[in-house]
Amino acid sequence: MGACQDRENRGAGVRSAGARGVTAMRWGPRSLRTRLIVTFAAGASVALLLCLGGLFAIVNQRLHSELDAAVNARGDDLAASIAARDERAVASDPLAQLYAPDGRLLVGSPALAGRRLLTLAQVRGTGKPWLKGVDLPLGTGTTPVPLRLQSRRLDGSGQVLTVGATARVIDRASIGTLAALAVCAPLLIASLAAAGWLVVRAALRPVDVLTREAAAISSLDTERRLPKIAGDDEFSRLAATLDGMLERLRVAFARERAFVDDASHELRTPIAVLRGELELALAALDEPDEVAESLRAAQAQALRLSRLSDDLLLLARGRAGTLVCERDRTELRAWVAEEARPLAAAVGLRIEAAGTPVEVPVDVDRMRQVLTNLAGNSAAAGARTARVTVGRDAAGAWLEWADDGCGFPPELLGAVFDRFVRGDTARSAGSGAGLGLSIVRAIVAAHEGSVVAGNGPPLGGAVVRVGLPVS
């Protein structure tokens, strides 16, 4: 009891987890079009944002590089003027100062109004030229201004020259660029999403057409077909594949309907005869001989119905792949020779056995049915002699049945193994149901073999060749 309860609890847990999984899967959009558009828009947005961010970084770095190059060029010009004993060039520069080696301010731009760009420690620590970004107030103002400074120690005199440039314009340009990108990015993303929606809708339009047409096709529209999709892409190939599938289904349905019609026709005759004979027996109860004759006729029809139902059941199992063959290794040549004697007496044929010994795994009861059906087919065609030849080639073992009858009708040669196919189309109680060769094919297929039919030598009549695997 406890084990059963544990299994029920585990089953409930699995069902609960499965339900949670199904619920989780339904969170996303169900439409393929929506999923494609969302995926495309998300991917395009990420790519666009990365590109715009990279563009902004490149532009910002390029502006600062240009500013540094301009500051460096001014520093070179002022250093050359100081080397030529022209320190007035420093005073005429918009943002420059010259310091003594001990840190004293010697000369500077009037716009600085005496404010130092460098501290004493920075002046004394200056060696190689260096660049630095600082925020300092200019002139009499108190608001810090972003500056880009370059300091260098001049050769010979040991003086320190500092040249600066305001970075306010670059910062404003960077902010303006960032604002423009912030405005343009959503517009670009929306445009890409709209373009993606149009592209996906155009790409999936054939799927919508196929879906509507397939939904409109019913079991009564056996001749209706899916529209052809122009081009040679995946959708056109899908449409062609689905159309081919519909054609195969149409053929299968037609065959099934024909099978039902033929089976009904075959069953109707013996049932009608059986009912008639029973009615005659009931009407002649006071005549024992008449009753016995009617009962014997009814028994014959009942046997015919039994054989027909067995044949139909065998064909149904063969079609479903459930026809069981209990195979044992058998020497086929000796077995054929042994079966030929009673079979010849039963059907009124002279049956010859020939060929070479070959051992194959077969179900002897099923193969006996194959020989019986082939013999009955030859006898019905008016043959007097049949020859069974056994051999082996590179493909495996083979068994060939040949007779001297009239052979298969040429117009039916490609369909002799189909159900209810007979050379004589008249439906009479004494004729066969046209299932013998269909049963032969089903049994051979269950043995993983092959069977073909034709007319000609060695006896000039029908020839049926059965191929069987040897292992």
Protein backbone atom coordinates (compact mmCIF):
# COMPACT_ATOMS: atom_id res chain seq x y z
CA MET A 1 0.00 0.00 0.00
CA GLY A 2 2.82 2.37 0.90
CA ALA A 3 4.67 1.56 -2.34
CA CYS A 4 1.52 2.32 -4.35
CA GLN A 5 1.14 5.61 -2.48
CA ASP A 6 4.78 6.49 -3.23
CA ARG A 7 4.28 5.80 -6.92
CA GLU A 8 1.14 7.95 -6.95
CA ASN A 9 3.03 10.79 -5.23
CA ARG A 10 5.89 10.53 -7.71
CA GLY A 11 3.44 10.47 -10.61
CA ALA A 12 1.67 13.54 -9.22
CA GLY A 13 5.04 15.27 -8.86
CA VAL A 14 5.96 14.46 -12.47
CA ARG A 15 2.57 15.70 -13.70
CA SER A 16 2.94 18.87 -11.66
CA ALA A 17 6.43 19.49 -13.03
CA GLY A 18 5.17 18.81 -16.54
CA ALA A 19 2.32 21.28 -16.02
CA ARG A 20 4.77 23.89 -14.77
CA GLY A 21 6.94 23.25 -17.81
CA VAL A 22 3.99 23.65 -20.16
CA THR A 23 2.98 26.86 -18.37
CA ALA A 24 6.52 28.18 -18.63
CA MET A 25 6.62 27.40 -22.32
CA ARG A 26 3.40 29.35 -22.87
CA TRP A 27 4.86 32.54 -21.45
CA GLY A 28 6.52 33.34 -24.74
CA PRO A 29 4.62 34.36 -27.89
CA ARG A 30 2.94 31.45 -29.66
CA SER A 31 3.13 32.92 -33.13
CA LEU A 32 6.25 32.10 -35.11
CA ARG A 33 5.97 35.48 -36.80
CA THR A 34 5.94 37.26 -33.43
CA ARG A 35 8.89 35.23 -32.16
CA LEU A 36 10.90 35.99 -35.28
CA ILE A 37 10.10 39.71 -35.10
CA VAL A 38 10.92 39.91 -31.37
CA THR A 39 14.16 38.00 -31.87
CA PHE A 40 15.11 40.12 -34.86
CA ALA A 41 14.25 43.38 -33.09
CA ALA A 42 16.17 42.37 -29.95
CA GLY A 43 19.22 41.26 -31.90
CA ALA A 44 19.14 44.34 -34.12
CA SER A 45 18.73 46.60 -31.08
CA VAL A 46 21.72 45.09 -29.31
CA ALA A 47 23.83 45.30 -32.46
CA LEU A 48 22.73 48.86 -33.14
CA LEU A 49 23.41 50.00 -29.58
CA LEU A 50 26.86 48.40 -29.66
CA CYS A 51 27.62 50.09 -32.97
CA LEU A 52 26.39 53.48 -31.78
CA GLY A 53 28.31 53.12 -28.51
CA GLY A 54 31.44 52.22 -30.41
CA LEU A 55 30.90 55.14 -32.80
CA PHE A 56 30.49 57.55 -29.89
CA ALA A 57 33.65 56.25 -28.23
CA ILE A 58 35.63 56.59 -31.46
CA VAL A 59 34.37 60.13 -32.12
CA ASN A 60 35.02 61.20 -28.52
CA GLN A 61 38.53 59.75 -28.56
CA ARG A 62 39.25 61.38 -31.92
CA LEU A 63 38.17 64.81 -30.63
CA HIS A 64 40.40 64.51 -27.58
CA SER A 65 43.26 63.35 -29.77
CA GLU A 66 42.83 66.38 -32.00
CA LEU A 67 42.78 68.64 -28.93
CA ASP A 68 45.95 67.04 -27.58
CA ALA A 69 47.64 67.46 -30.95
CA ALA A 70 46.69 71.15 -31.04
CA VAL A 71 48.02 71.67 -27.50
CA ASN A 72 51.25 69.85 -28.36
CA ALA A 73 51.74 71.99 -31.51
CA ARG A 74 51.26 75.21 -29.52
CA GLY A 75 53.74 73.95 -26.96
CA ASP A 76 56.31 73.30 -29.68
CA ASP A 77 55.81 76.78 -31.11
CA LEU A 78 56.12 78.48 -27.71
CA ALA A 79 59.20 76.42 -26.80
CA ALA A 80 60.84 77.53 -30.03
CA SER A 81 59.98 81.19 -29.29
CA ILE A 82 61.39 80.93 -25.73
CA ALA A 83 64.58 79.37 -27.10
CA ALA A 84 64.82 82.45 -29.36
CA ARG A 85 64.55 84.72 -26.25
CA ASP A 86 61.03 85.79 -27.13
CA GLU A 87 59.03 85.19 -23.96
CA ARG A 88 56.33 87.61 -25.10
CA ALA A 89 54.90 84.80 -27.18
CA VAL A 90 53.79 83.17 -23.90
CA ALA A 91 51.95 86.31 -22.85
CA SER A 92 50.17 86.50 -26.19
CA ASP A 93 49.02 82.87 -26.03
CA PRO A 94 45.40 82.38 -24.88
CA LEU A 95 46.31 79.80 -22.22
CA ALA A 96 50.01 79.30 -21.35
CA GLN A 97 52.44 79.92 -18.46
CA LEU A 98 56.20 79.80 -18.03
CA TYR A 99 57.69 78.81 -14.65
CA ALA A 100 61.20 79.18 -13.25
CA PRO A 101 62.98 75.98 -12.15
CA ASP A 102 62.10 76.79 -8.52
CA GLY A 103 58.38 77.08 -9.37
CA ARG A 104 57.99 80.86 -9.64
CA LEU A 105 55.61 82.10 -12.29
CA LEU A 106 57.63 84.09 -14.84
CA VAL A 107 55.04 84.98 -17.46
CA GLY A 108 51.53 83.85 -18.37
CA SER A 109 48.53 84.57 -20.47
CA PRO A 110 46.48 87.61 -19.37
CA ALA A 111 43.29 85.52 -19.45
CA LEU A 112 44.51 83.61 -16.42
CA ALA A 113 44.68 86.79 -14.32
CA GLY A 114 47.59 85.43 -12.31
CA ARG A 115 45.99 82.04 -11.53
CA ARG A 116 48.52 79.24 -11.65
CA LEU A 117 47.99 76.27 -13.87
CA LEU A 118 50.54 74.20 -11.93
CA THR A 119 51.41 74.01 -8.28
CA LEU A 120 55.00 74.35 -7.03
CA ALA A 121 55.22 70.61 -6.54
CA GLN A 122 54.00 69.95 -10.05
CA VAL A 123 56.52 72.39 -11.51
CA ARG A 124 59.41 70.86 -9.59
CA GLY A 125 58.30 67.34 -10.48
CA THR A 126 58.03 67.99 -14.21
CA GLY A 127 60.51 66.00 -16.27
CA LYS A 128 59.36 64.55 -19.52
CA PRO A 129 56.40 66.23 -21.28
CA TRP A 130 53.05 65.08 -19.93
CA LEU A 131 49.39 65.69 -20.62
CA LYS A 132 46.71 66.03 -17.99
CA GLY A 133 43.05 66.89 -17.82
CA VAL A 134 42.06 69.20 -14.93
CA ASP A 135 39.17 71.41 -13.91
CA LEU A 136 40.34 74.93 -12.97
CA PRO A 137 38.65 78.37 -12.82
CA LEU A 138 39.89 80.87 -15.38
CA GLY A 139 40.41 84.59 -14.86
CA THR A 140 38.19 86.10 -12.21
CA GLY A 141 35.58 83.37 -12.45
CA THR A 142 34.97 80.77 -9.79
CA THR A 143 33.40 78.00 -11.90
CA PRO A 144 35.93 75.28 -12.81
CA VAL A 145 36.48 74.83 -16.50
CA PRO A 146 37.65 71.51 -18.00
CA LEU A 147 41.19 72.03 -19.31
CA ARG A 148 43.73 69.91 -21.14
CA LEU A 149 47.27 70.82 -20.01
CA GLN A 150 50.67 69.91 -21.40
CA SER A 151 53.78 70.61 -19.34
CA ARG A 152 57.42 70.23 -20.40
CA ARG A 153 60.82 71.20 -19.00
CA LEU A 154 62.79 73.28 -21.47
CA ASP A 155 66.30 72.20 -22.30
CA GLY A 156 69.15 74.38 -21.05
CA SER A 157 67.23 76.79 -18.83
CA GLY A 158 65.31 74.21 -16.79
CA GLN A 159 62.18 76.34 -17.06
CA VAL A 160 58.76 74.64 -17.23
CA LEU A 161 56.30 75.57 -19.97
CA THR A 162 52.64 74.72 -19.54
CA VAL A 163 50.19 75.12 -22.41
CA GLY A 164 46.45 74.50 -22.00
CA ALA A 165 43.24 74.41 -23.97
CA THR A 166 39.66 74.32 -22.78
CA ALA A 167 37.84 71.04 -23.34
CA ARG A 168 34.43 72.64 -22.92
CA VAL A 169 33.72 72.59 -26.65
CA ILE A 170 34.65 68.92 -26.89
CA ASP A 171 32.53 68.06 -23.88
CA ARG A 172 29.59 69.93 -25.35
CA ALA A 173 30.12 68.19 -28.69
CA SER A 174 30.25 64.82 -26.92
CA ILE A 175 27.08 65.57 -24.97
CA GLY A 176 25.35 66.75 -28.13
CA THR A 177 26.45 63.63 -29.99
CA LEU A 178 25.24 61.44 -27.14
CA ALA A 179 21.90 63.22 -27.08
CA ALA A 180 21.52 62.85 -30.85
CA LEU A 181 22.31 59.15 -30.57
CA ALA A 182 19.81 58.77 -27.72
CA VAL A 183 17.13 60.31 -29.92
CA CYS A 184 18.08 58.48 -33.10
CA ALA A 185 18.61 55.04 -31.53
CA PRO A 186 14.91 54.41 -30.71
CA LEU A 187 13.89 55.66 -34.14
CA LEU A 188 16.42 53.36 -35.81
CA ILE A 189 15.32 50.43 -33.64
CA ALA A 190 11.68 51.10 -34.49
CA SER A 191 12.56 51.33 -38.19
CA LEU A 192 14.49 48.05 -38.03
CA ALA A 193 11.60 46.37 -36.20
CA ALA A 194 9.14 47.62 -38.83
CA ALA A 195 11.42 46.47 -41.63
CA GLY A 196 11.81 43.10 -39.90
CA TRP A 197 8.05 42.80 -39.56
CA LEU A 198 7.59 43.49 -43.27
CA VAL A 199 10.31 41.03 -44.24
CA VAL A 200 8.98 38.28 -41.94
CA ARG A 201 5.41 38.83 -43.10
CA ALA A 202 6.48 38.60 -46.73
CA ALA A 203 8.60 35.52 -46.02
CA LEU A 204 5.83 33.72 -44.11
CA ARG A 205 3.02 34.65 -46.49
CA PRO A 206 3.37 31.30 -48.34
CA VAL A 207 2.97 29.51 -45.00
CA ASP A 208 -0.29 31.37 -44.37
CA VAL A 209 -1.53 30.45 -47.83
CA LEU A 210 -0.61 26.79 -47.33
CA THR A 211 -2.22 26.75 -43.88
CA ARG A 212 -5.51 28.18 -45.12
CA GLU A 213 -5.63 25.86 -48.10
CA ALA A 214 -4.72 22.79 -46.02
CA ALA A 215 -7.40 23.71 -43.46
CA ALA A 216 -9.97 24.04 -46.24
CA ILE A 217 -9.22 20.58 -47.66
CA SER A 218 -11.55 17.92 -46.28
CA SER A 219 -11.87 14.20 -46.81
CA LEU A 220 -14.35 14.93 -49.59
CA ASP A 221 -11.87 17.14 -51.51
CA THR A 222 -9.76 14.23 -52.73
CA GLU A 223 -8.79 16.04 -55.93
CA ARG A 224 -7.98 19.38 -54.33
CA ARG A 225 -4.32 20.37 -54.20
CA LEU A 226 -2.18 22.94 -52.42
CA PRO A 227 -1.13 25.99 -54.43
CA LYS A 228 2.32 25.95 -55.96
CA ILE A 229 4.86 28.33 -54.42
CA ALA A 230 7.09 30.09 -56.94
CA GLY A 231 10.83 29.74 -56.56
CA ASP A 232 13.12 27.02 -55.27
CA ASP A 233 13.35 27.85 -51.58
CA GLU A 234 12.36 25.93 -48.46
CA PHE A 235 8.70 26.96 -48.70
CA SER A 236 8.33 25.90 -52.32
CA ARG A 237 9.91 22.55 -51.50
CA LEU A 238 7.61 22.23 -48.48
CA ALA A 239 4.57 22.95 -50.66
CA ALA A 240 5.71 20.36 -53.21
CA THR A 241 6.33 17.80 -50.45
CA LEU A 242 2.93 18.39 -48.86
CA ASP A 243 1.26 18.21 -52.26
CA GLY A 244 2.99 14.89 -52.92
CA MET A 245 1.85 13.65 -49.52
CA LEU A 246 -1.74 14.59 -50.38
CA GLU A 247 -1.44 12.69 -53.64
CA ARG A 248 -0.14 9.61 -51.82
CA LEU A 249 -2.96 9.91 -49.29
CA ARG A 250 -5.47 10.22 -52.12
CA VAL A 251 -4.12 7.05 -53.72
CA ALA A 252 -4.15 5.28 -50.34
CA PHE A 253 -7.75 6.36 -49.67
CA ALA A 254 -8.77 5.25 -53.14
CA ARG A 255 -7.17 1.86 -52.57
CA GLU A 256 -8.84 1.50 -49.19
CA ARG A 257 -12.22 2.40 -50.67
CA ALA A 258 -11.67 -0.07 -53.49
CA PHE A 259 -10.64 -2.70 -50.96
CA VAL A 260 -13.78 -2.14 -48.90
CA ASP A 261 -15.92 -2.21 -52.05
CA ASP A 262 -14.29 -5.39 -53.33
CA ALA A 263 -14.42 -7.09 -49.94
CA SER A 264 -18.09 -6.18 -49.59
CA HIS A 265 -18.75 -7.56 -53.09
CA GLU A 266 -16.90 -10.79 -52.33
CA LEU A 267 -18.71 -11.24 -49.02
CA ARG A 268 -22.13 -10.42 -50.40
CA THR A 269 -22.29 -13.37 -52.82
CA PRO A 270 -21.55 -16.23 -50.35
CA ILE A 271 -23.70 -14.61 -47.70
CA ALA A 272 -26.63 -14.33 -50.14
CA VAL A 273 -26.13 -17.96 -51.22
CA LEU A 274 -25.85 -19.03 -47.59
CA ARG A 275 -29.10 -17.28 -46.67
CA GLY A 276 -30.83 -18.77 -49.71
CA GLU A 277 -29.74 -22.30 -48.89
CA LEU A 278 -30.85 -21.93 -45.26
CA GLU A 279 -34.21 -20.60 -46.39
CA LEU A 280 -34.57 -23.59 -48.74
CA ALA A 281 -33.69 -25.95 -45.90
CA LEU A 282 -36.30 -24.35 -43.66
CA ALA A 283 -38.89 -24.54 -46.41
CA ALA A 284 -38.20 -28.23 -47.04
CA LEU A 285 -38.10 -29.59 -43.49
CA ASP A 286 -40.30 -32.52 -44.48
CA GLU A 287 -37.84 -33.54 -47.23
CA PRO A 288 -34.61 -34.75 -45.58
CA ASP A 289 -32.69 -35.12 -48.83
CA GLU A 290 -33.44 -31.53 -49.87
CA VAL A 291 -32.50 -30.24 -46.40
CA ALA A 292 -29.21 -32.16 -46.45
CA GLU A 293 -28.33 -30.82 -49.90
CA SER A 294 -29.09 -27.22 -48.81
CA LEU A 295 -27.04 -27.63 -45.63
CA ARG A 296 -24.09 -29.01 -47.59
CA ALA A 297 -24.27 -26.01 -49.95
CA ALA A 298 -24.51 -23.68 -46.95
CA GLN A 299 -21.50 -25.38 -45.38
CA ALA A 300 -19.50 -24.84 -48.57
CA GLN A 301 -20.35 -21.15 -48.53
CA ALA A 302 -19.46 -20.92 -44.84
CA LEU A 303 -16.07 -22.48 -45.60
CA ARG A 304 -15.61 -19.97 -48.39
CA LEU A 305 -16.42 -17.12 -46.02
CA SER A 306 -13.98 -18.54 -43.47
CA ARG A 307 -11.18 -18.74 -46.04
CA LEU A 308 -11.93 -15.23 -47.26
CA SER A 309 -11.88 -13.80 -43.73
CA ASP A 310 -8.59 -15.61 -43.01
CA ASP A 311 -7.08 -14.20 -46.19
CA LEU A 312 -8.24 -10.68 -45.37
CA LEU A 313 -6.84 -11.00 -41.85
CA LEU A 314 -3.49 -12.18 -43.20
CA LEU A 315 -3.34 -9.24 -45.63
CA ALA A 316 -4.26 -6.80 -42.85
CA ARG A 317 -1.46 -8.16 -40.66
CA GLY A 318 0.98 -8.01 -43.53
CA ARG A 319 0.05 -4.40 -44.25
CA ALA A 320 0.44 -3.50 -40.57
CA GLY A 321 3.78 -5.31 -40.35
CA THR A 322 2.51 -7.74 -37.70
CA LEU A 323 2.52 -10.91 -39.80
CA VAL A 324 4.59 -13.33 -37.72
CA CYS A 325 6.85 -15.90 -39.40
CA GLU A 326 8.45 -18.61 -37.25
CA ARG A 327 11.51 -19.22 -39.38
CA ASP A 328 13.66 -22.36 -39.21
CA ARG A 329 16.58 -23.20 -41.44
CA THR A 330 15.26 -25.45 -44.20
CA GLU A 331 16.85 -27.02 -47.24
CA LEU A 332 14.57 -25.40 -49.79
CA ARG A 333 15.20 -27.74 -52.77
CA ALA A 334 14.30 -30.91 -50.83
CA TRP A 335 11.33 -29.23 -49.15
CA VAL A 336 9.88 -28.13 -52.51
CA ALA A 337 10.24 -31.62 -53.92
CA GLU A 338 8.45 -33.05 -50.88
CA GLU A 339 5.59 -30.53 -51.07
CA ALA A 340 5.14 -30.91 -54.83
CA ARG A 341 3.61 -34.42 -54.70
CA PRO A 342 0.54 -33.75 -52.49
CA LEU A 343 0.09 -30.30 -54.02
CA ALA A 344 0.03 -31.71 -57.56
CA ALA A 345 -2.66 -34.16 -56.58
CA ALA A 346 -4.72 -31.46 -54.88
CA VAL A 347 -4.82 -28.99 -57.79
CA GLY A 348 -4.54 -31.40 -60.73
CA LEU A 349 -1.15 -30.20 -62.01
CA ARG A 350 2.05 -31.99 -62.89
CA ILE A 351 4.63 -30.20 -60.74
CA GLU A 352 8.37 -30.60 -61.40
CA ALA A 353 11.01 -29.68 -58.84
CA ALA A 354 14.48 -28.64 -60.02
CA GLY A 355 17.46 -26.53 -59.02
CA THR A 356 20.32 -26.73 -56.53
CA PRO A 357 20.19 -27.33 -52.77
CA VAL A 358 20.16 -24.13 -50.69
CA GLU A 359 19.44 -23.67 -47.01
CA VAL A 360 17.32 -20.68 -45.97
CA PRO A 361 15.44 -19.61 -42.82
CA VAL A 362 11.72 -19.82 -43.67
CA ASP A 363 8.38 -20.47 -42.04
CA VAL A 364 7.44 -23.71 -43.80
CA ASP A 365 3.72 -23.28 -43.07
CA ARG A 366 3.69 -19.82 -44.65
CA MET A 367 5.81 -20.98 -47.61
CA ARG A 368 3.44 -23.92 -48.10
CA GLN A 369 0.69 -21.30 -48.44
CA VAL A 370 2.81 -19.51 -51.07
CA LEU A 371 3.17 -22.71 -53.12
CA THR A 372 -0.53 -23.51 -52.72
CA ASN A 373 -1.60 -20.06 -53.95
CA LEU A 374 0.80 -20.20 -56.90
CA ALA A 375 -0.46 -23.66 -57.83
CA GLY A 376 -4.08 -22.55 -57.56
CA ASN A 377 -3.35 -19.52 -59.74
CA SER A 378 -1.75 -21.74 -62.41
CA ALA A 379 -4.61 -24.22 -62.31
CA ALA A 380 -7.14 -21.40 -62.70
CA ALA A 381 -5.23 -20.17 -65.77
CA GLY A 382 -5.55 -23.59 -67.45
CA ALA A 383 -1.99 -24.77 -66.91
CA ARG A 384 -1.22 -28.49 -66.92
CA THR A 385 2.43 -28.44 -65.94
CA ALA A 386 4.34 -26.29 -63.44
CA ARG A 387 8.05 -26.22 -62.64
CA VAL A 388 9.55 -25.03 -59.36
CA THR A 389 13.26 -24.15 -59.58
CA VAL A 390 15.43 -23.31 -56.57
CA GLY A 391 18.79 -21.56 -56.79
CA ARG A 392 21.13 -19.04 -55.25
CA ASP A 393 22.94 -15.95 -56.51
CA ALA A 394 24.79 -12.97 -55.06
CA ALA A 395 21.54 -11.46 -53.73
CA GLY A 396 20.48 -14.62 -51.87
CA ALA A 397 18.25 -17.62 -52.52
CA TRP A 398 15.47 -17.64 -55.08
CA LEU A 399 12.47 -19.79 -55.95
CA GLU A 400 10.93 -19.60 -59.41
CA TRP A 401 7.43 -20.89 -60.21
CA ALA A 402 6.67 -21.31 -63.94
CA ASP A 403 3.71 -22.88 -65.72
CA ASP A 404 2.49 -23.57 -69.27
CA GLY A 405 -0.79 -21.73 -68.91
CA CYS A 406 -1.97 -18.61 -70.67
CA GLY A 407 0.11 -16.36 -68.42
CA PHE A 408 -0.83 -13.08 -66.84
CA PRO A 409 -2.89 -10.64 -68.92
CA PRO A 410 -0.47 -7.96 -70.21
CA GLU A 411 -2.70 -5.13 -69.02
CA LEU A 412 -2.66 -6.55 -65.47
CA LEU A 413 1.00 -7.54 -65.30
CA GLY A 414 1.93 -4.55 -63.15
CA ALA A 415 -0.92 -5.12 -60.70
CA VAL A 416 -1.09 -8.92 -60.30
CA PHE A 417 -0.07 -8.65 -56.62
CA ASP A 418 -2.79 -6.15 -55.77
CA ARG A 419 -5.85 -7.27 -53.86
CA PHE A 420 -8.91 -8.50 -55.77
CA VAL A 421 -7.13 -8.39 -59.13
CA ARG A 422 -8.23 -11.20 -61.44
CA GLY A 423 -7.94 -11.87 -65.13
CA ASP A 424 -11.63 -12.75 -65.23
CA THR A 425 -13.53 -9.83 -63.74
CA ALA A 426 -16.80 -11.77 -63.41
CA ARG A 427 -17.82 -12.15 -59.76
CA SER A 428 -19.21 -15.64 -59.37
CA ALA A 429 -19.41 -17.99 -56.48
CA GLY A 430 -17.04 -20.43 -58.08
CA SER A 431 -14.30 -17.94 -58.88
CA GLY A 432 -11.46 -16.94 -56.59
CA ALA A 433 -11.44 -13.70 -54.68
CA GLY A 434 -8.24 -12.43 -56.29
CA LEU A 435 -6.25 -12.50 -53.05
CA GLY A 436 -3.87 -15.39 -53.74
CA LEU A 437 -0.96 -13.41 -55.18
CA SER A 438 -1.53 -10.60 -52.67
CA ILE A 439 -1.04 -13.17 -49.91
CA VAL A 440 2.10 -14.43 -51.67
CA ARG A 441 3.56 -10.92 -51.62
CA ALA A 442 2.60 -10.38 -47.96
CA ILE A 443 4.25 -13.64 -46.85
CA VAL A 444 7.40 -12.99 -48.87
CA ALA A 445 7.61 -9.45 -47.47
CA ALA A 446 7.31 -10.88 -43.96
CA HIS A 447 10.36 -13.02 -44.81
CA GLU A 448 12.17 -9.80 -45.88
CA GLY A 449 12.22 -11.07 -49.46
CA SER A 450 10.97 -9.87 -52.83
CA VAL A 451 8.64 -11.19 -55.52
CA VAL A 452 8.18 -10.31 -59.21
CA ALA A 453 5.85 -11.68 -61.88
CA GLY A 454 6.12 -12.04 -65.62
CA ASN A 455 5.42 -14.25 -68.63
CA GLY A 456 7.70 -16.38 -70.77
CA PRO A 457 10.25 -19.16 -70.47
CA PRO A 458 10.88 -21.83 -69.37
CA LEU A 459 7.31 -23.09 -70.03
CA GLY A 460 5.85 -20.11 -71.87
CA GLY A 461 3.22 -19.22 -69.29
CA ALA A 462 3.27 -17.26 -66.04
CA VAL A 463 6.53 -16.90 -64.12
CA VAL A 464 6.74 -15.81 -60.47
CA ARG A 465 10.21 -15.36 -58.95
CA VAL A 466 10.58 -15.16 -55.16
CA GLY A 467 13.80 -13.90 -53.59
CA LEU A 468 14.66 -14.89 -50.01
CA PRO A 469 17.54 -13.92 -47.71
CA VAL A 470 19.86 -16.75 -46.74
CA SER A 471 20.58 -15.43 -43.23
